[in-house]
Amino acid sequence: MRRIGILKAERLVDLLNWIGFPAVTLYVVCMFIFPWIDGRGEWTHVQDVWNRWQGLNVGMLAFISSITAFNISRFNAEKQREREFLASKAFLPAALSELVSYFKESASVFIAGWELAPGQQPNIVLPILPGEYKVVFGNCIRHAEPEVGEYLSKILVKLQVHDARVRDFINRMHDESDVSPEKHNLISYFYRLGELHALAGKLFDYARNLQEFDSSPLEWEDFRNAYGNLDIWVDEIRIDDQMNLEAFTKRAIDRANTDT
């Protein structure tokens, strides 16, 4: 957004409205109501007041015109932003579907690692992160309301971390000196992947204009559905009563709710 001096244009309009509306109200009272009362309804008295304050009248008319023009400009800019966001949002379901396919491929990598016996060489192929989502997400973030933009940005950040995590995991699995499938780490990987899938899943109905945007914290049911869609069987991702996918996820949900 453009800046005027040290203020953003949006902030300047808000400041003008905050100052201007009380000032205009006071001006109307003093210039159009009080003279009639003070002059007991005599037209000549009202004219005399207006003539004496002619400079103020001209200045106030210019000020009112400026405020009106700024607000019309902001209204038109907001409508343009909404149109551009709707155009960008139309491609969001396809981008989300691409990401869901990528998530499923990533899940198969982690599942293969979980089932891998120590010392066994894996047959794992690196899932390729699709590229179309970057443009779609970028356009949506640029034109969306701040809450939606922050949500999409959060997905992007977590997605880049996940992609690096998958690459590192596959490199370690192909390293002959690495004889452990690192199941403790894999539980956290499953959790983070489920989180990404759940965050993306909450966007589908919004992207299709079926419901309002929902940025409420993820719950266990969101994760359970995500794990199921990724063919991650929660009961099988288990080391003991404390270190298993369900317990790990619920502890993470409790921490997130406490932080918020």
C-alpha atoms as a PDB file:
ATOM      1  CA  MET A   1       0.000   0.000   0.000  1.00  0.00           C
ATOM      2  CA  ARG A   2       1.255   3.485  -0.863  1.00  0.00           C
ATOM      3  CA  ARG A   3       2.615   5.719   1.847  1.00  0.00           C
ATOM      4  CA  ILE A   4       2.051   9.451   2.221  1.00  0.00           C
ATOM      5  CA  GLY A   5       4.917  10.744   4.321  1.00  0.00           C
ATOM      6  CA  ILE A   6       5.217   8.328   7.222  1.00  0.00           C
ATOM      7  CA  LEU A   7       1.550   7.270   7.070  1.00  0.00           C
ATOM      8  CA  LYS A   8      -0.017   4.622   4.902  1.00  0.00           C
ATOM      9  CA  ALA A   9      -2.825   5.955   2.732  1.00  0.00           C
ATOM     10  CA  GLU A  10      -5.316   3.745   4.576  1.00  0.00           C
ATOM     11  CA  ARG A  11      -4.240   5.157   7.930  1.00  0.00           C
ATOM     12  CA  LEU A  12      -4.432   8.701   6.589  1.00  0.00           C
ATOM     13  CA  VAL A  13      -8.043   8.207   5.499  1.00  0.00           C
ATOM     14  CA  ASP A  14      -8.913   6.759   8.911  1.00  0.00           C
ATOM     15  CA  LEU A  15      -7.258   9.743  10.593  1.00  0.00           C
ATOM     16  CA  LEU A  16      -9.135  12.195   8.382  1.00  0.00           C
ATOM     17  CA  ASN A  17     -12.426  10.454   9.160  1.00  0.00           C
ATOM     18  CA  TRP A  18     -11.675  10.376  12.876  1.00  0.00           C
ATOM     19  CA  ILE A  19     -10.946  14.107  12.901  1.00  0.00           C
ATOM     20  CA  GLY A  20     -13.243  15.164  10.105  1.00  0.00           C
ATOM     21  CA  PHE A  21     -16.638  13.774  11.076  1.00  0.00           C
ATOM     22  CA  PRO A  22     -16.734  15.450  14.534  1.00  0.00           C
ATOM     23  CA  ALA A  23     -15.389  18.657  12.980  1.00  0.00           C
ATOM     24  CA  VAL A  24     -18.014  18.635  10.225  1.00  0.00           C
ATOM     25  CA  THR A  25     -20.764  17.935  12.761  1.00  0.00           C
ATOM     26  CA  LEU A  26     -19.604  20.857  14.902  1.00  0.00           C
ATOM     27  CA  TYR A  27     -19.404  23.071  11.798  1.00  0.00           C
ATOM     28  CA  VAL A  28     -22.958  22.195  10.732  1.00  0.00           C
ATOM     29  CA  VAL A  29     -24.291  22.970  14.204  1.00  0.00           C
ATOM     30  CA  CYS A  30     -22.413  26.278  14.471  1.00  0.00           C
ATOM     31  CA  MET A  31     -23.040  27.445  10.918  1.00  0.00           C
ATOM     32  CA  PHE A  32     -26.493  26.123  10.013  1.00  0.00           C
ATOM     33  CA  ILE A  33     -28.369  25.643  13.281  1.00  0.00           C
ATOM     34  CA  PHE A  34     -27.069  28.072  15.886  1.00  0.00           C
ATOM     35  CA  PRO A  35     -27.361  31.231  13.662  1.00  0.00           C
ATOM     36  CA  TRP A  36     -31.108  30.619  13.275  1.00  0.00           C
ATOM     37  CA  ILE A  37     -31.491  30.241  17.024  1.00  0.00           C
ATOM     38  CA  ASP A  38     -29.243  33.185  17.824  1.00  0.00           C
ATOM     39  CA  GLY A  39     -31.002  35.437  15.279  1.00  0.00           C
ATOM     40  CA  ARG A  40     -34.461  34.272  16.301  1.00  0.00           C
ATOM     41  CA  GLY A  41     -35.119  33.007  12.800  1.00  0.00           C
ATOM     42  CA  GLU A  42     -34.095  36.198  10.992  1.00  0.00           C
ATOM     43  CA  TRP A  43     -32.678  35.470   7.548  1.00  0.00           C
ATOM     44  CA  THR A  44     -30.560  38.640   7.507  1.00  0.00           C
ATOM     45  CA  HIS A  45     -28.745  37.537  10.682  1.00  0.00           C
ATOM     46  CA  VAL A  46     -27.970  34.123   9.172  1.00  0.00           C
ATOM     47  CA  GLN A  47     -26.656  35.764   5.986  1.00  0.00           C
ATOM     48  CA  ASP A  48     -24.496  38.106   8.029  1.00  0.00           C
ATOM     49  CA  VAL A  49     -22.940  35.174   9.904  1.00  0.00           C
ATOM     50  CA  TRP A  50     -22.238  33.320   6.663  1.00  0.00           C
ATOM     51  CA  ASN A  51     -20.654  36.410   5.094  1.00  0.00           C
ATOM     52  CA  ARG A  52     -18.385  36.997   8.102  1.00  0.00           C
ATOM     53  CA  TRP A  53     -17.245  33.373   8.067  1.00  0.00           C
ATOM     54  CA  GLN A  54     -16.993  33.046   4.299  1.00  0.00           C
ATOM     55  CA  GLY A  55     -13.328  31.937   4.418  1.00  0.00           C
ATOM     56  CA  LEU A  56     -14.141  29.193   6.913  1.00  0.00           C
ATOM     57  CA  ASN A  57     -17.068  28.073   4.782  1.00  0.00           C
ATOM     58  CA  VAL A  58     -14.887  27.733   1.695  1.00  0.00           C
ATOM     59  CA  GLY A  59     -12.261  25.838   3.663  1.00  0.00           C
ATOM     60  CA  MET A  60     -14.799  23.476   5.220  1.00  0.00           C
ATOM     61  CA  LEU A  61     -16.402  22.754   1.856  1.00  0.00           C
ATOM     62  CA  ALA A  62     -12.975  21.871   0.468  1.00  0.00           C
ATOM     63  CA  PHE A  63     -12.268  19.726   3.519  1.00  0.00           C
ATOM     64  CA  ILE A  64     -15.588  17.879   3.184  1.00  0.00           C
ATOM     65  CA  SER A  65     -14.926  17.330  -0.526  1.00  0.00           C
ATOM     66  CA  SER A  66     -11.495  15.886   0.261  1.00  0.00           C
ATOM     67  CA  ILE A  67     -12.854  13.480   2.867  1.00  0.00           C
ATOM     68  CA  THR A  68     -15.591  12.375   0.475  1.00  0.00           C
ATOM     69  CA  ALA A  69     -13.095  11.827  -2.349  1.00  0.00           C
ATOM     70  CA  PHE A  70     -10.736   9.831  -0.112  1.00  0.00           C
ATOM     71  CA  ASN A  71     -13.560   7.598   1.092  1.00  0.00           C
ATOM     72  CA  ILE A  72     -14.858   7.031  -2.432  1.00  0.00           C
ATOM     73  CA  SER A  73     -11.342   6.130  -3.530  1.00  0.00           C
ATOM     74  CA  ARG A  74     -10.944   3.695  -0.639  1.00  0.00           C
ATOM     75  CA  PHE A  75     -14.332   2.138  -1.379  1.00  0.00           C
ATOM     76  CA  ASN A  76     -13.403   1.628  -5.034  1.00  0.00           C
ATOM     77  CA  ALA A  77     -10.013   0.182  -4.056  1.00  0.00           C
ATOM     78  CA  GLU A  78     -11.676  -2.265  -1.646  1.00  0.00           C
ATOM     79  CA  LYS A  79     -14.129  -3.387  -4.323  1.00  0.00           C
ATOM     80  CA  GLN A  80     -11.244  -3.879  -6.758  1.00  0.00           C
ATOM     81  CA  ARG A  81      -9.381  -5.927  -4.141  1.00  0.00           C
ATOM     82  CA  GLU A  82     -12.452  -8.107  -3.614  1.00  0.00           C
ATOM     83  CA  ARG A  83     -12.801  -8.715  -7.362  1.00  0.00           C
ATOM     84  CA  GLU A  84      -9.130  -9.630  -7.697  1.00  0.00           C
ATOM     85  CA  PHE A  85      -9.325 -11.934  -4.693  1.00  0.00           C
ATOM     86  CA  LEU A  86     -12.352 -13.716  -6.125  1.00  0.00           C
ATOM     87  CA  ALA A  87     -10.457 -14.216  -9.377  1.00  0.00           C
ATOM     88  CA  SER A  88      -7.447 -15.646  -7.516  1.00  0.00           C
ATOM     89  CA  LYS A  89      -9.617 -17.696  -5.185  1.00  0.00           C
ATOM     90  CA  ALA A  90     -11.187 -19.506  -8.157  1.00  0.00           C
ATOM     91  CA  PHE A  91      -7.905 -21.394  -8.649  1.00  0.00           C
ATOM     92  CA  LEU A  92      -7.477 -22.243  -4.962  1.00  0.00           C
ATOM     93  CA  PRO A  93      -9.412 -25.570  -4.960  1.00  0.00           C
ATOM     94  CA  ALA A  94      -7.191 -26.960  -7.741  1.00  0.00           C
ATOM     95  CA  ALA A  95      -4.043 -25.836  -5.910  1.00  0.00           C
ATOM     96  CA  LEU A  96      -5.271 -27.435  -2.688  1.00  0.00           C
ATOM     97  CA  SER A  97      -6.036 -30.678  -4.519  1.00  0.00           C
ATOM     98  CA  GLU A  98      -2.461 -30.734  -5.836  1.00  0.00           C
ATOM     99  CA  LEU A  99      -1.130 -30.273  -2.328  1.00  0.00           C
ATOM    100  CA  VAL A 100      -3.350 -33.042  -0.947  1.00  0.00           C
ATOM    101  CA  SER A 101      -1.918 -35.421  -3.547  1.00  0.00           C
ATOM    102  CA  TYR A 102       1.559 -34.380  -2.478  1.00  0.00           C
ATOM    103  CA  PHE A 103       0.651 -34.944   1.166  1.00  0.00           C
ATOM    104  CA  LYS A 104      -0.500 -38.484   0.357  1.00  0.00           C
ATOM    105  CA  GLU A 105       2.783 -39.219  -1.401  1.00  0.00           C
ATOM    106  CA  SER A 106       4.652 -37.831   1.600  1.00  0.00           C
ATOM    107  CA  ALA A 107       2.591 -40.009   3.936  1.00  0.00           C
ATOM    108  CA  SER A 108       3.553 -43.102   1.938  1.00  0.00           C
ATOM    109  CA  VAL A 109       7.218 -42.166   2.443  1.00  0.00           C
ATOM    110  CA  PHE A 110       6.831 -41.891   6.207  1.00  0.00           C
ATOM    111  CA  ILE A 111       4.756 -45.085   6.362  1.00  0.00           C
ATOM    112  CA  ALA A 112       7.465 -46.928   4.433  1.00  0.00           C
ATOM    113  CA  GLY A 113      10.018 -45.591   6.901  1.00  0.00           C
ATOM    114  CA  TRP A 114       7.879 -46.669   9.846  1.00  0.00           C
ATOM    115  CA  GLU A 115       7.574 -50.212   8.480  1.00  0.00           C
ATOM    116  CA  LEU A 116      11.254 -50.413   7.570  1.00  0.00           C
ATOM    117  CA  ALA A 117      13.300 -52.912   9.545  1.00  0.00           C
ATOM    118  CA  PRO A 118      16.641 -51.718  10.963  1.00  0.00           C
ATOM    119  CA  GLY A 119      19.381 -52.039   8.351  1.00  0.00           C
ATOM    120  CA  GLN A 120      16.918 -52.613   5.527  1.00  0.00           C
ATOM    121  CA  GLN A 121      17.308 -50.482   2.406  1.00  0.00           C
ATOM    122  CA  PRO A 122      14.085 -48.642   1.581  1.00  0.00           C
ATOM    123  CA  ASN A 123      12.353 -48.411  -1.764  1.00  0.00           C
ATOM    124  CA  ILE A 124      11.332 -44.780  -1.403  1.00  0.00           C
ATOM    125  CA  VAL A 125      10.840 -42.159  -4.111  1.00  0.00           C
ATOM    126  CA  LEU A 126      11.010 -38.477  -3.290  1.00  0.00           C
ATOM    127  CA  PRO A 127       7.564 -36.854  -3.730  1.00  0.00           C
ATOM    128  CA  ILE A 128       7.719 -33.779  -5.937  1.00  0.00           C
ATOM    129  CA  LEU A 129       6.234 -30.637  -4.459  1.00  0.00           C
ATOM    130  CA  PRO A 130       3.890 -29.147  -7.113  1.00  0.00           C
ATOM    131  CA  GLY A 131       4.660 -25.669  -8.383  1.00  0.00           C
ATOM    132  CA  GLU A 132       1.263 -24.236  -9.329  1.00  0.00           C
ATOM    133  CA  TYR A 133       0.217 -23.594  -5.746  1.00  0.00           C
ATOM    134  CA  LYS A 134       2.888 -20.886  -5.301  1.00  0.00           C
ATOM    135  CA  VAL A 135       1.322 -18.515  -7.817  1.00  0.00           C
ATOM    136  CA  VAL A 136      -2.213 -19.188  -6.575  1.00  0.00           C
ATOM    137  CA  PHE A 137      -1.314 -18.773  -2.923  1.00  0.00           C
ATOM    138  CA  GLY A 138       0.734 -15.667  -3.709  1.00  0.00           C
ATOM    139  CA  ASN A 139      -2.157 -13.986  -5.544  1.00  0.00           C
ATOM    140  CA  CYS A 140      -4.624 -14.931  -2.826  1.00  0.00           C
ATOM    141  CA  ILE A 141      -2.359 -13.604  -0.073  1.00  0.00           C
ATOM    142  CA  ARG A 142      -1.860 -10.368  -2.008  1.00  0.00           C
ATOM    143  CA  HIS A 143      -5.584  -9.667  -2.361  1.00  0.00           C
ATOM    144  CA  ALA A 144      -7.121 -11.460   0.628  1.00  0.00           C
ATOM    145  CA  GLU A 145      -8.187 -10.004   3.930  1.00  0.00           C
ATOM    146  CA  PRO A 146      -5.401 -10.099   6.554  1.00  0.00           C
ATOM    147  CA  GLU A 147      -6.859 -13.097   8.425  1.00  0.00           C
ATOM    148  CA  VAL A 148      -7.026 -15.214   5.267  1.00  0.00           C
ATOM    149  CA  GLY A 149      -3.596 -14.042   4.123  1.00  0.00           C
ATOM    150  CA  GLU A 150      -2.018 -14.993   7.457  1.00  0.00           C
ATOM    151  CA  TYR A 151      -3.636 -18.444   7.309  1.00  0.00           C
ATOM    152  CA  LEU A 152      -2.311 -19.085   3.797  1.00  0.00           C
ATOM    153  CA  SER A 153       1.126 -17.781   4.784  1.00  0.00           C
ATOM    154  CA  LYS A 154       1.176 -20.201   7.719  1.00  0.00           C
ATOM    155  CA  ILE A 155       0.493 -23.097   5.359  1.00  0.00           C
ATOM    156  CA  LEU A 156       3.281 -21.953   3.039  1.00  0.00           C
ATOM    157  CA  VAL A 157       5.810 -21.787   5.866  1.00  0.00           C
ATOM    158  CA  LYS A 158       4.865 -25.215   7.215  1.00  0.00           C
ATOM    159  CA  LEU A 159       4.893 -26.628   3.693  1.00  0.00           C
ATOM    160  CA  GLN A 160       8.457 -25.510   3.028  1.00  0.00           C
ATOM    161  CA  VAL A 161       9.582 -26.997   6.338  1.00  0.00           C
ATOM    162  CA  HIS A 162       7.806 -30.258   5.522  1.00  0.00           C
ATOM    163  CA  ASP A 163       9.404 -30.487   2.076  1.00  0.00           C
ATOM    164  CA  ALA A 164      12.865 -30.044   3.593  1.00  0.00           C
ATOM    165  CA  ARG A 165      12.011 -32.633   6.254  1.00  0.00           C
ATOM    166  CA  VAL A 166      10.953 -35.218   3.648  1.00  0.00           C
ATOM    167  CA  ARG A 167      14.124 -34.692   1.631  1.00  0.00           C
ATOM    168  CA  ASP A 168      16.309 -35.030   4.704  1.00  0.00           C
ATOM    169  CA  PHE A 169      14.438 -38.137   5.838  1.00  0.00           C
ATOM    170  CA  ILE A 170      14.865 -39.864   2.460  1.00  0.00           C
ATOM    171  CA  ASN A 171      18.568 -39.005   2.372  1.00  0.00           C
ATOM    172  CA  ARG A 172      19.020 -40.575   5.795  1.00  0.00           C
ATOM    173  CA  MET A 173      17.068 -43.660   4.793  1.00  0.00           C
ATOM    174  CA  HIS A 174      19.359 -44.171   1.791  1.00  0.00           C
ATOM    175  CA  ASP A 175      22.437 -43.732   3.947  1.00  0.00           C
ATOM    176  CA  GLU A 176      23.842 -47.216   4.552  1.00  0.00           C
ATOM    177  CA  SER A 177      25.341 -46.115   7.868  1.00  0.00           C
ATOM    178  CA  ASP A 178      21.876 -45.233   9.173  1.00  0.00           C
ATOM    179  CA  VAL A 179      20.362 -48.426  10.574  1.00  0.00           C
ATOM    180  CA  SER A 180      17.396 -46.941  12.471  1.00  0.00           C
ATOM    181  CA  PRO A 181      14.037 -45.864  11.034  1.00  0.00           C
ATOM    182  CA  GLU A 182      13.846 -43.213  13.816  1.00  0.00           C
ATOM    183  CA  LYS A 183      10.291 -43.992  14.874  1.00  0.00           C
ATOM    184  CA  HIS A 184      10.268 -41.325  17.573  1.00  0.00           C
ATOM    185  CA  ASN A 185      10.954 -38.676  14.938  1.00  0.00           C
ATOM    186  CA  LEU A 186       8.478 -40.254  12.553  1.00  0.00           C
ATOM    187  CA  ILE A 187       5.624 -39.741  14.998  1.00  0.00           C
ATOM    188  CA  SER A 188       6.291 -36.000  14.962  1.00  0.00           C
ATOM    189  CA  TYR A 189       6.574 -36.132  11.143  1.00  0.00           C
ATOM    190  CA  PHE A 190       3.176 -37.817  10.911  1.00  0.00           C
ATOM    191  CA  TYR A 191       1.744 -35.169  13.210  1.00  0.00           C
ATOM    192  CA  ARG A 192       3.119 -32.263  11.170  1.00  0.00           C
ATOM    193  CA  LEU A 193       1.889 -33.818   7.935  1.00  0.00           C
ATOM    194  CA  GLY A 194      -1.554 -34.341   9.450  1.00  0.00           C
ATOM    195  CA  GLU A 195      -1.536 -30.712  10.565  1.00  0.00           C
ATOM    196  CA  LEU A 196      -0.797 -29.527   7.038  1.00  0.00           C
ATOM    197  CA  HIS A 197      -3.532 -31.723   5.580  1.00  0.00           C
ATOM    198  CA  ALA A 198      -6.035 -30.512   8.185  1.00  0.00           C
ATOM    199  CA  LEU A 199      -5.176 -26.842   7.572  1.00  0.00           C
ATOM    200  CA  ALA A 200      -5.583 -27.280   3.829  1.00  0.00           C
ATOM    201  CA  GLY A 201      -8.747 -29.302   4.313  1.00  0.00           C
ATOM    202  CA  LYS A 202     -10.429 -26.477   6.220  1.00  0.00           C
ATOM    203  CA  LEU A 203      -9.947 -24.238   3.187  1.00  0.00           C
ATOM    204  CA  PHE A 204     -11.781 -26.366   0.614  1.00  0.00           C
ATOM    205  CA  ASP A 205     -15.356 -25.302   1.393  1.00  0.00           C
ATOM    206  CA  TYR A 206     -14.260 -21.680   1.744  1.00  0.00           C
ATOM    207  CA  ALA A 207     -12.416 -21.809  -1.576  1.00  0.00           C
ATOM    208  CA  ARG A 208     -15.567 -23.213  -3.200  1.00  0.00           C
ATOM    209  CA  ASN A 209     -17.723 -20.472  -1.625  1.00  0.00           C
ATOM    210  CA  LEU A 210     -19.663 -23.053   0.375  1.00  0.00           C
ATOM    211  CA  GLN A 211     -18.961 -21.560   3.805  1.00  0.00           C
ATOM    212  CA  GLU A 212     -17.292 -18.667   5.580  1.00  0.00           C
ATOM    213  CA  PHE A 213     -13.587 -18.667   6.347  1.00  0.00           C
ATOM    214  CA  ASP A 214     -12.771 -20.682   9.452  1.00  0.00           C
ATOM    215  CA  SER A 215      -9.471 -20.093  11.236  1.00  0.00           C
ATOM    216  CA  SER A 216     -10.424 -21.778  14.510  1.00  0.00           C
ATOM    217  CA  PRO A 217      -7.728 -23.968  16.113  1.00  0.00           C
ATOM    218  CA  LEU A 218      -7.469 -27.540  14.879  1.00  0.00           C
ATOM    219  CA  GLU A 219      -9.128 -30.199  17.014  1.00  0.00           C
ATOM    220  CA  TRP A 220      -8.552 -33.925  17.364  1.00  0.00           C
ATOM    221  CA  GLU A 221     -11.361 -34.659  14.910  1.00  0.00           C
ATOM    222  CA  ASP A 222      -9.585 -32.548  12.271  1.00  0.00           C
ATOM    223  CA  PHE A 223      -6.402 -34.559  12.766  1.00  0.00           C
ATOM    224  CA  ARG A 224      -8.245 -37.883  12.866  1.00  0.00           C
ATOM    225  CA  ASN A 225      -9.894 -37.139   9.516  1.00  0.00           C
ATOM    226  CA  ALA A 226      -6.576 -35.972   8.070  1.00  0.00           C
ATOM    227  CA  TYR A 227      -4.782 -39.150   9.156  1.00  0.00           C
ATOM    228  CA  GLY A 228      -7.559 -41.240   7.669  1.00  0.00           C
ATOM    229  CA  ASN A 229      -7.417 -39.408   4.336  1.00  0.00           C
ATOM    230  CA  LEU A 230      -3.653 -39.932   4.271  1.00  0.00           C
ATOM    231  CA  ASP A 231      -4.029 -43.680   4.968  1.00  0.00           C
ATOM    232  CA  ILE A 232      -2.171 -43.238   8.250  1.00  0.00           C
ATOM    233  CA  TRP A 233      -3.675 -45.754  10.660  1.00  0.00           C
ATOM    234  CA  VAL A 234      -3.366 -44.072  14.039  1.00  0.00           C
ATOM    235  CA  ASP A 235      -3.528 -47.332  16.029  1.00  0.00           C
ATOM    236  CA  GLU A 236      -0.491 -48.673  14.162  1.00  0.00           C
ATOM    237  CA  ILE A 237       1.732 -45.623  14.764  1.00  0.00           C
ATOM    238  CA  ARG A 238       2.607 -46.588  18.295  1.00  0.00           C
ATOM    239  CA  ILE A 239       5.713 -47.211  20.394  1.00  0.00           C
ATOM    240  CA  ASP A 240       4.138 -47.307  23.857  1.00  0.00           C
ATOM    241  CA  ASP A 241       1.261 -45.736  25.814  1.00  0.00           C
ATOM    242  CA  GLN A 242       2.949 -42.330  25.931  1.00  0.00           C
ATOM    243  CA  MET A 243       4.722 -42.276  22.596  1.00  0.00           C
ATOM    244  CA  ASN A 244       2.101 -42.918  19.971  1.00  0.00           C
ATOM    245  CA  LEU A 245       0.491 -40.777  17.295  1.00  0.00           C
ATOM    246  CA  GLU A 246      -2.833 -40.204  19.045  1.00  0.00           C
ATOM    247  CA  ALA A 247      -1.297 -39.248  22.389  1.00  0.00           C
ATOM    248  CA  PHE A 248       1.354 -37.087  20.690  1.00  0.00           C
ATOM    249  CA  THR A 249      -1.309 -35.265  18.657  1.00  0.00           C
ATOM    250  CA  LYS A 250      -3.583 -34.622  21.610  1.00  0.00           C
ATOM    251  CA  ARG A 251      -0.687 -33.269  23.672  1.00  0.00           C
ATOM    252  CA  ALA A 252       0.227 -30.940  20.810  1.00  0.00           C
ATOM    253  CA  ILE A 253      -3.395 -29.754  20.543  1.00  0.00           C
ATOM    254  CA  ASP A 254      -3.487 -29.029  24.278  1.00  0.00           C
ATOM    255  CA  ARG A 255      -0.243 -27.036  24.044  1.00  0.00           C
ATOM    256  CA  ALA A 256      -1.555 -25.033  21.095  1.00  0.00           C
ATOM    257  CA  ASN A 257      -4.789 -24.239  22.930  1.00  0.00           C
ATOM    258  CA  THR A 258      -2.844 -23.194  26.016  1.00  0.00           C
ATOM    259  CA  ASP A 259      -0.598 -20.878  23.986  1.00  0.00           C
ATOM    260  CA  THR A 260      -3.591 -19.179  22.376  1.00  0.00           C
END
